[in-house]
């Protein structure tokens, strides 16, 4: 792992700037391989509805990734 101690000692936020740029570079082409949909859900502030939403999302994720794993 690269160390940013020597650069950070000279200039503030070098490590944070480098980490941010690494993340930007990593995800720059993500939209060419994935489709993103924005949605909003009103929870009316109830814990029950939030728990149901969490379970629905987990079940959806499980179904989505069910056939994507390589098994031997």
PDB file of N, CA and C in Angstrom:
ATOM      1  N   UNK A   1       0.849  -1.178   0.000  1.00  0.00           N
ATOM      2  CA  UNK A   1       0.000   0.000   0.000  1.00  0.00           C
ATOM      3  C   UNK A   1       0.888   1.233   0.000  1.00  0.00           C
ATOM      4  N   UNK A   2       0.567   2.189  -0.843  1.00  0.00           N
ATOM      5  CA  UNK A   2       1.349   3.416  -0.915  1.00  0.00           C
ATOM      6  C   UNK A   2       1.114   4.271   0.315  1.00  0.00           C
ATOM      7  N   UNK A   3       2.174   4.946   0.741  1.00  0.00           N
ATOM      8  CA  UNK A   3       2.066   5.843   1.877  1.00  0.00           C
ATOM      9  C   UNK A   3       2.055   7.277   1.376  1.00  0.00           C
ATOM     10  N   UNK A   4       1.228   8.084   1.986  1.00  0.00           N
ATOM     11  CA  UNK A   4       1.128   9.492   1.605  1.00  0.00           C
ATOM     12  C   UNK A   4       1.700  10.388   2.697  1.00  0.00           C
ATOM     13  N   UNK A   5       2.448   9.788   3.645  1.00  0.00           N
ATOM     14  CA  UNK A   5       2.954  10.549   4.785  1.00  0.00           C
ATOM     15  C   UNK A   5       3.895  11.654   4.329  1.00  0.00           C
ATOM     16  N   UNK A   6       4.819  11.331   3.426  1.00  0.00           N
ATOM     17  CA  UNK A   6       5.787  12.340   3.009  1.00  0.00           C
ATOM     18  C   UNK A   6       5.111  13.504   2.280  1.00  0.00           C
ATOM     19  N   UNK A   7       4.106  13.228   1.455  1.00  0.00           N
ATOM     20  CA  UNK A   7       3.409  14.290   0.720  1.00  0.00           C
ATOM     21  C   UNK A   7       2.488  15.090   1.645  1.00  0.00           C
ATOM     22  N   UNK A   8       1.841  14.406   2.588  1.00  0.00           N
ATOM     23  CA  UNK A   8       0.929  15.082   3.507  1.00  0.00           C
ATOM     24  C   UNK A   8       1.694  15.983   4.469  1.00  0.00           C
ATOM     25  N   UNK A   9       2.927  15.612   4.770  1.00  0.00           N
ATOM     26  CA  UNK A   9       3.740  16.444   5.659  1.00  0.00           C
ATOM     27  C   UNK A   9       4.053  17.787   5.015  1.00  0.00           C
ATOM     28  N   UNK A  10       4.065  17.840   3.690  1.00  0.00           N
ATOM     29  CA  UNK A  10       4.382  19.073   2.976  1.00  0.00           C
ATOM     30  C   UNK A  10       3.118  19.883   2.678  1.00  0.00           C
ATOM     31  N   UNK A  11       2.054  19.211   2.268  1.00  0.00           N
ATOM     32  CA  UNK A  11       0.824  19.900   1.877  1.00  0.00           C
ATOM     33  C   UNK A  11      -0.376  19.217   2.526  1.00  0.00           C
ATOM     34  N   UNK A  12      -1.293  19.992   3.078  1.00  0.00           N
ATOM     35  CA  UNK A  12      -2.477  19.451   3.736  1.00  0.00           C
ATOM     36  C   UNK A  12      -3.412  18.793   2.730  1.00  0.00           C
ATOM     37  N   UNK A  13      -4.124  17.777   3.163  1.00  0.00           N
ATOM     38  CA  UNK A  13      -5.187  17.100   2.422  1.00  0.00           C
ATOM     39  C   UNK A  13      -4.724  16.332   1.182  1.00  0.00           C
ATOM     40  N   UNK A  14      -3.444  16.087   1.036  1.00  0.00           N
ATOM     41  CA  UNK A  14      -2.950  15.339  -0.123  1.00  0.00           C
ATOM     42  C   UNK A  14      -3.535  13.930  -0.130  1.00  0.00           C
ATOM     43  N   UNK A  15      -3.530  13.275   1.015  1.00  0.00           N
ATOM     44  CA  UNK A  15      -4.049  11.908   1.084  1.00  0.00           C
ATOM     45  C   UNK A  15      -5.546  11.877   0.781  1.00  0.00           C
ATOM     46  N   UNK A  16      -6.291  12.832   1.308  1.00  0.00           N
ATOM     47  CA  UNK A  16      -7.737  12.886   1.062  1.00  0.00           C
ATOM     48  C   UNK A  16      -8.028  13.177  -0.407  1.00  0.00           C
ATOM     49  N   UNK A  17      -7.276  14.089  -0.994  1.00  0.00           N
ATOM     50  CA  UNK A  17      -7.463  14.403  -2.414  1.00  0.00           C
ATOM     51  C   UNK A  17      -7.138  13.197  -3.287  1.00  0.00           C
ATOM     52  N   UNK A  18      -6.076  12.483  -2.949  1.00  0.00           N
ATOM     53  CA  UNK A  18      -5.688  11.303  -3.723  1.00  0.00           C
ATOM     54  C   UNK A  18      -6.752  10.212  -3.597  1.00  0.00           C
ATOM     55  N   UNK A  19      -7.278  10.006  -2.395  1.00  0.00           N
ATOM     56  CA  UNK A  19      -8.328   9.003  -2.187  1.00  0.00           C
ATOM     57  C   UNK A  19      -9.587   9.365  -2.970  1.00  0.00           C
ATOM     58  N   UNK A  20      -9.941  10.641  -2.982  1.00  0.00           N
ATOM     59  CA  UNK A  20     -11.109  11.082  -3.728  1.00  0.00           C
ATOM     60  C   UNK A  20     -10.907  10.864  -5.224  1.00  0.00           C
ATOM     61  N   UNK A  21      -9.733  11.179  -5.732  1.00  0.00           N
ATOM     62  CA  UNK A  21      -9.466  10.989  -7.152  1.00  0.00           C
ATOM     63  C   UNK A  21      -9.465   9.501  -7.512  1.00  0.00           C
ATOM     64  N   UNK A  22      -8.924   8.669  -6.622  1.00  0.00           N
ATOM     65  CA  UNK A  22      -8.948   7.211  -6.860  1.00  0.00           C
ATOM     66  C   UNK A  22     -10.376   6.700  -6.963  1.00  0.00           C
ATOM     67  N   UNK A  23     -11.264   7.197  -6.110  1.00  0.00           N
ATOM     68  CA  UNK A  23     -12.665   6.772  -6.140  1.00  0.00           C
ATOM     69  C   UNK A  23     -13.352   7.247  -7.418  1.00  0.00           C
ATOM     70  N   UNK A  24     -13.067   8.467  -7.829  1.00  0.00           N
ATOM     71  CA  UNK A  24     -13.644   8.999  -9.073  1.00  0.00           C
ATOM     72  C   UNK A  24     -13.188   8.147 -10.255  1.00  0.00           C
ATOM     73  N   UNK A  25     -11.891   7.824 -10.298  1.00  0.00           N
ATOM     74  CA  UNK A  25     -11.359   7.001 -11.384  1.00  0.00           C
ATOM     75  C   UNK A  25     -11.974   5.603 -11.382  1.00  0.00           C
ATOM     76  N   UNK A  26     -12.151   5.036 -10.186  1.00  0.00           N
ATOM     77  CA  UNK A  26     -12.686   3.680 -10.060  1.00  0.00           C
ATOM     78  C   UNK A  26     -14.108   3.576 -10.605  1.00  0.00           C
ATOM     79  N   UNK A  27     -14.938   4.571 -10.325  1.00  0.00           N
ATOM     80  CA  UNK A  27     -16.345   4.505 -10.691  1.00  0.00           C
ATOM     81  C   UNK A  27     -16.702   5.307 -11.939  1.00  0.00           C
ATOM     82  N   UNK A  28     -15.723   5.826 -12.658  1.00  0.00           N
ATOM     83  CA  UNK A  28     -15.982   6.697 -13.809  1.00  0.00           C
ATOM     84  C   UNK A  28     -16.780   6.001 -14.901  1.00  0.00           C
ATOM     85  N   UNK A  29     -16.524   4.734 -15.145  1.00  0.00           N
ATOM     86  CA  UNK A  29     -17.195   4.031 -16.236  1.00  0.00           C
ATOM     87  C   UNK A  29     -18.311   3.113 -15.754  1.00  0.00           C
ATOM     88  N   UNK A  30     -18.729   3.254 -14.518  1.00  0.00           N
ATOM     89  CA  UNK A  30     -19.762   2.384 -13.959  1.00  0.00           C
ATOM     90  C   UNK A  30     -21.093   2.526 -14.689  1.00  0.00           C
ATOM     91  N   UNK A  31     -21.421   3.723 -15.136  1.00  0.00           N
ATOM     92  CA  UNK A  31     -22.702   3.918 -15.815  1.00  0.00           C
ATOM     93  C   UNK A  31     -22.738   3.264 -17.197  1.00  0.00           C
ATOM     94  N   UNK A  32     -21.595   2.869 -17.739  1.00  0.00           N
ATOM     95  CA  UNK A  32     -21.608   2.184 -19.032  1.00  0.00           C
ATOM     96  C   UNK A  32     -21.883   0.687 -18.886  1.00  0.00           C
ATOM     97  N   UNK A  33     -21.776   0.169 -17.661  1.00  0.00           N
ATOM     98  CA  UNK A  33     -22.002  -1.256 -17.429  1.00  0.00           C
ATOM     99  C   UNK A  33     -23.222  -1.534 -16.557  1.00  0.00           C
ATOM    100  N   UNK A  34     -23.798  -0.487 -15.957  1.00  0.00           N
ATOM    101  CA  UNK A  34     -24.934  -0.661 -15.054  1.00  0.00           C
ATOM    102  C   UNK A  34     -26.032   0.339 -15.407  1.00  0.00           C
ATOM    103  N   UNK A  35     -27.247   0.007 -15.043  1.00  0.00           N
ATOM    104  CA  UNK A  35     -28.373   0.907 -15.207  1.00  0.00           C
ATOM    105  C   UNK A  35     -28.857   1.322 -13.824  1.00  0.00           C
ATOM    106  N   UNK A  36     -28.990   2.607 -13.599  1.00  0.00           N
ATOM    107  CA  UNK A  36     -29.418   3.123 -12.312  1.00  0.00           C
ATOM    108  C   UNK A  36     -30.799   3.747 -12.434  1.00  0.00           C
ATOM    109  N   UNK A  37     -31.654   3.462 -11.483  1.00  0.00           N
ATOM    110  CA  UNK A  37     -33.000   4.035 -11.427  1.00  0.00           C
ATOM    111  C   UNK A  37     -33.156   4.741 -10.092  1.00  0.00           C
ATOM    112  N   UNK A  38     -33.585   5.975 -10.127  1.00  0.00           N
ATOM    113  CA  UNK A  38     -33.840   6.729  -8.910  1.00  0.00           C
ATOM    114  C   UNK A  38     -35.280   6.497  -8.476  1.00  0.00           C
ATOM    115  N   UNK A  39     -35.482   6.324  -7.194  1.00  0.00           N
ATOM    116  CA  UNK A  39     -36.838   6.200  -6.682  1.00  0.00           C
ATOM    117  C   UNK A  39     -36.874   6.701  -5.251  1.00  0.00           C
ATOM    118  N   UNK A  40     -38.032   7.102  -4.817  1.00  0.00           N
ATOM    119  CA  UNK A  40     -38.239   7.584  -3.459  1.00  0.00           C
ATOM    120  C   UNK A  40     -39.403   6.831  -2.846  1.00  0.00           C
ATOM    121  N   UNK A  41     -39.300   6.559  -1.550  1.00  0.00           N
ATOM    122  CA  UNK A  41     -40.363   5.853  -0.847  1.00  0.00           C
ATOM    123  C   UNK A  41     -40.698   6.632   0.417  1.00  0.00           C
ATOM    124  N   UNK A  42     -41.948   6.931   0.601  1.00  0.00           N
ATOM    125  CA  UNK A  42     -42.402   7.617   1.808  1.00  0.00           C
ATOM    126  C   UNK A  42     -42.647   6.575   2.890  1.00  0.00           C
ATOM    127  N   UNK A  43     -41.980   6.721   4.011  1.00  0.00           N
ATOM    128  CA  UNK A  43     -42.107   5.730   5.081  1.00  0.00           C
ATOM    129  C   UNK A  43     -43.074   6.160   6.171  1.00  0.00           C
ATOM    130  N   UNK A  44     -43.570   7.360   6.144  1.00  0.00           N
ATOM    131  CA  UNK A  44     -44.527   7.884   7.119  1.00  0.00           C
ATOM    132  C   UNK A  44     -43.985   7.788   8.547  1.00  0.00           C
ATOM    133  N   UNK A  45     -42.683   7.592   8.669  1.00  0.00           N
ATOM    134  CA  UNK A  45     -42.053   7.601   9.980  1.00  0.00           C
ATOM    135  C   UNK A  45     -42.306   6.372  10.829  1.00  0.00           C
ATOM    136  N   UNK A  46     -42.912   5.327  10.314  1.00  0.00           N
ATOM    137  CA  UNK A  46     -43.188   4.150  11.138  1.00  0.00           C
ATOM    138  C   UNK A  46     -42.044   3.148  11.050  1.00  0.00           C
ATOM    139  N   UNK A  47     -41.692   2.561  12.140  1.00  0.00           N
ATOM    140  CA  UNK A  47     -40.638   1.551  12.195  1.00  0.00           C
ATOM    141  C   UNK A  47     -41.050   0.309  11.420  1.00  0.00           C
ATOM    142  N   UNK A  48     -42.313  -0.061  11.518  1.00  0.00           N
ATOM    143  CA  UNK A  48     -42.785  -1.259  10.821  1.00  0.00           C
ATOM    144  C   UNK A  48     -42.561  -1.151   9.319  1.00  0.00           C
ATOM    145  N   UNK A  49     -42.926  -0.017   8.750  1.00  0.00           N
ATOM    146  CA  UNK A  49     -42.769   0.165   7.309  1.00  0.00           C
ATOM    147  C   UNK A  49     -41.293   0.146   6.913  1.00  0.00           C
ATOM    148  N   UNK A  50     -40.439   0.747   7.739  1.00  0.00           N
ATOM    149  CA  UNK A  50     -39.002   0.742   7.460  1.00  0.00           C
ATOM    150  C   UNK A  50     -38.460  -0.686   7.495  1.00  0.00           C
ATOM    151  N   UNK A  51     -38.898  -1.483   8.462  1.00  0.00           N
ATOM    152  CA  UNK A  51     -38.454  -2.876   8.543  1.00  0.00           C
ATOM    153  C   UNK A  51     -38.931  -3.670   7.331  1.00  0.00           C
ATOM    154  N   UNK A  52     -40.158  -3.460   6.902  1.00  0.00           N
ATOM    155  CA  UNK A  52     -40.676  -4.156   5.724  1.00  0.00           C
ATOM    156  C   UNK A  52     -39.902  -3.763   4.471  1.00  0.00           C
ATOM    157  N   UNK A  53     -39.580  -2.481   4.342  1.00  0.00           N
ATOM    158  CA  UNK A  53     -38.804  -2.006   3.209  1.00  0.00           C
ATOM    159  C   UNK A  53     -37.413  -2.645   3.211  1.00  0.00           C
ATOM    160  N   UNK A  54     -36.785  -2.699   4.370  1.00  0.00           N
ATOM    161  CA  UNK A  54     -35.464  -3.322   4.471  1.00  0.00           C
ATOM    162  C   UNK A  54     -35.508  -4.783   4.049  1.00  0.00           C
ATOM    163  N   UNK A  55     -36.519  -5.499   4.492  1.00  0.00           N
ATOM    164  CA  UNK A  55     -36.651  -6.910   4.118  1.00  0.00           C
ATOM    165  C   UNK A  55     -36.901  -7.061   2.620  1.00  0.00           C
ATOM    166  N   UNK A  56     -37.730  -6.197   2.055  1.00  0.00           N
ATOM    167  CA  UNK A  56     -38.013  -6.267   0.620  1.00  0.00           C
ATOM    168  C   UNK A  56     -36.753  -6.003  -0.194  1.00  0.00           C
ATOM    169  N   UNK A  57     -35.956  -5.024   0.239  1.00  0.00           N
ATOM    170  CA  UNK A  57     -34.710  -4.740  -0.468  1.00  0.00           C
ATOM    171  C   UNK A  57     -33.727  -5.905  -0.368  1.00  0.00           C
ATOM    172  N   UNK A  58     -33.623  -6.502   0.807  1.00  0.00           N
ATOM    173  CA  UNK A  58     -32.721  -7.647   0.984  1.00  0.00           C
ATOM    174  C   UNK A  58     -33.166  -8.827   0.131  1.00  0.00           C
ATOM    175  N   UNK A  59     -34.456  -9.074   0.086  1.00  0.00           N
ATOM    176  CA  UNK A  59     -34.954 -10.180  -0.741  1.00  0.00           C
ATOM    177  C   UNK A  59     -34.712  -9.896  -2.223  1.00  0.00           C
ATOM    178  N   UNK A  60     -34.907  -8.648  -2.638  1.00  0.00           N
ATOM    179  CA  UNK A  60     -34.645  -8.282  -4.015  1.00  0.00           C
ATOM    180  C   UNK A  60     -33.183  -8.442  -4.382  1.00  0.00           C
ATOM    181  N   UNK A  61     -32.298  -8.047  -3.462  1.00  0.00           N
ATOM    182  CA  UNK A  61     -30.867  -8.213  -3.704  1.00  0.00           C
ATOM    183  C   UNK A  61     -30.509  -9.685  -3.813  1.00  0.00           C
ATOM    184  N   UNK A  62     -31.073 -10.512  -2.963  1.00  0.00           N
ATOM    185  CA  UNK A  62     -30.784 -11.944  -3.003  1.00  0.00           C
ATOM    186  C   UNK A  62     -31.204 -12.543  -4.336  1.00  0.00           C
ATOM    187  N   UNK A  63     -32.375 -12.166  -4.827  1.00  0.00           N
ATOM    188  CA  UNK A  63     -32.850 -12.668  -6.111  1.00  0.00           C
ATOM    189  C   UNK A  63     -31.959 -12.159  -7.241  1.00  0.00           C
ATOM    190  N   UNK A  64     -31.557 -10.895  -7.180  1.00  0.00           N
ATOM    191  CA  UNK A  64     -30.732 -10.306  -8.228  1.00  0.00           C
ATOM    192  C   UNK A  64     -29.390 -11.000  -8.368  1.00  0.00           C
ATOM    193  N   UNK A  65     -28.793 -11.363  -7.247  1.00  0.00           N
ATOM    194  CA  UNK A  65     -27.455 -11.940  -7.269  1.00  0.00           C
ATOM    195  C   UNK A  65     -27.447 -13.462  -7.217  1.00  0.00           C
ATOM    196  N   UNK A  66     -28.607 -14.070  -7.155  1.00  0.00           N
ATOM    197  CA  UNK A  66     -28.703 -15.521  -6.993  1.00  0.00           C
ATOM    198  C   UNK A  66     -27.955 -16.277  -8.090  1.00  0.00           C
ATOM    199  N   UNK A  67     -28.104 -15.885  -9.325  1.00  0.00           N
ATOM    200  CA  UNK A  67     -27.487 -16.605 -10.426  1.00  0.00           C
ATOM    201  C   UNK A  67     -26.208 -15.965 -10.934  1.00  0.00           C
ATOM    202  N   UNK A  68     -25.674 -15.002 -10.202  1.00  0.00           N
ATOM    203  CA  UNK A  68     -24.457 -14.340 -10.672  1.00  0.00           C
ATOM    204  C   UNK A  68     -23.195 -14.946 -10.083  1.00  0.00           C
ATOM    205  N   UNK A  69     -23.323 -15.778  -9.074  1.00  0.00           N
ATOM    206  CA  UNK A  69     -22.159 -16.397  -8.442  1.00  0.00           C
ATOM    207  C   UNK A  69     -21.696 -17.617  -9.233  1.00  0.00           C
ATOM    208  N   UNK A  70     -20.394 -17.756  -9.347  1.00  0.00           N
ATOM    209  CA  UNK A  70     -19.822 -18.920 -10.034  1.00  0.00           C
ATOM    210  C   UNK A  70     -19.678 -20.042  -9.005  1.00  0.00           C
ATOM    211  N   UNK A  71     -20.282 -21.170  -9.289  1.00  0.00           N
ATOM    212  CA  UNK A  71     -20.170 -22.314  -8.395  1.00  0.00           C
ATOM    213  C   UNK A  71     -19.444 -23.436  -9.108  1.00  0.00           C
ATOM    214  N   UNK A  72     -18.713 -24.177  -8.330  1.00  0.00           N
ATOM    215  CA  UNK A  72     -17.948 -25.282  -8.930  1.00  0.00           C
ATOM    216  C   UNK A  72     -18.529 -26.611  -8.533  1.00  0.00           C
TER     217      UNK A  72
END
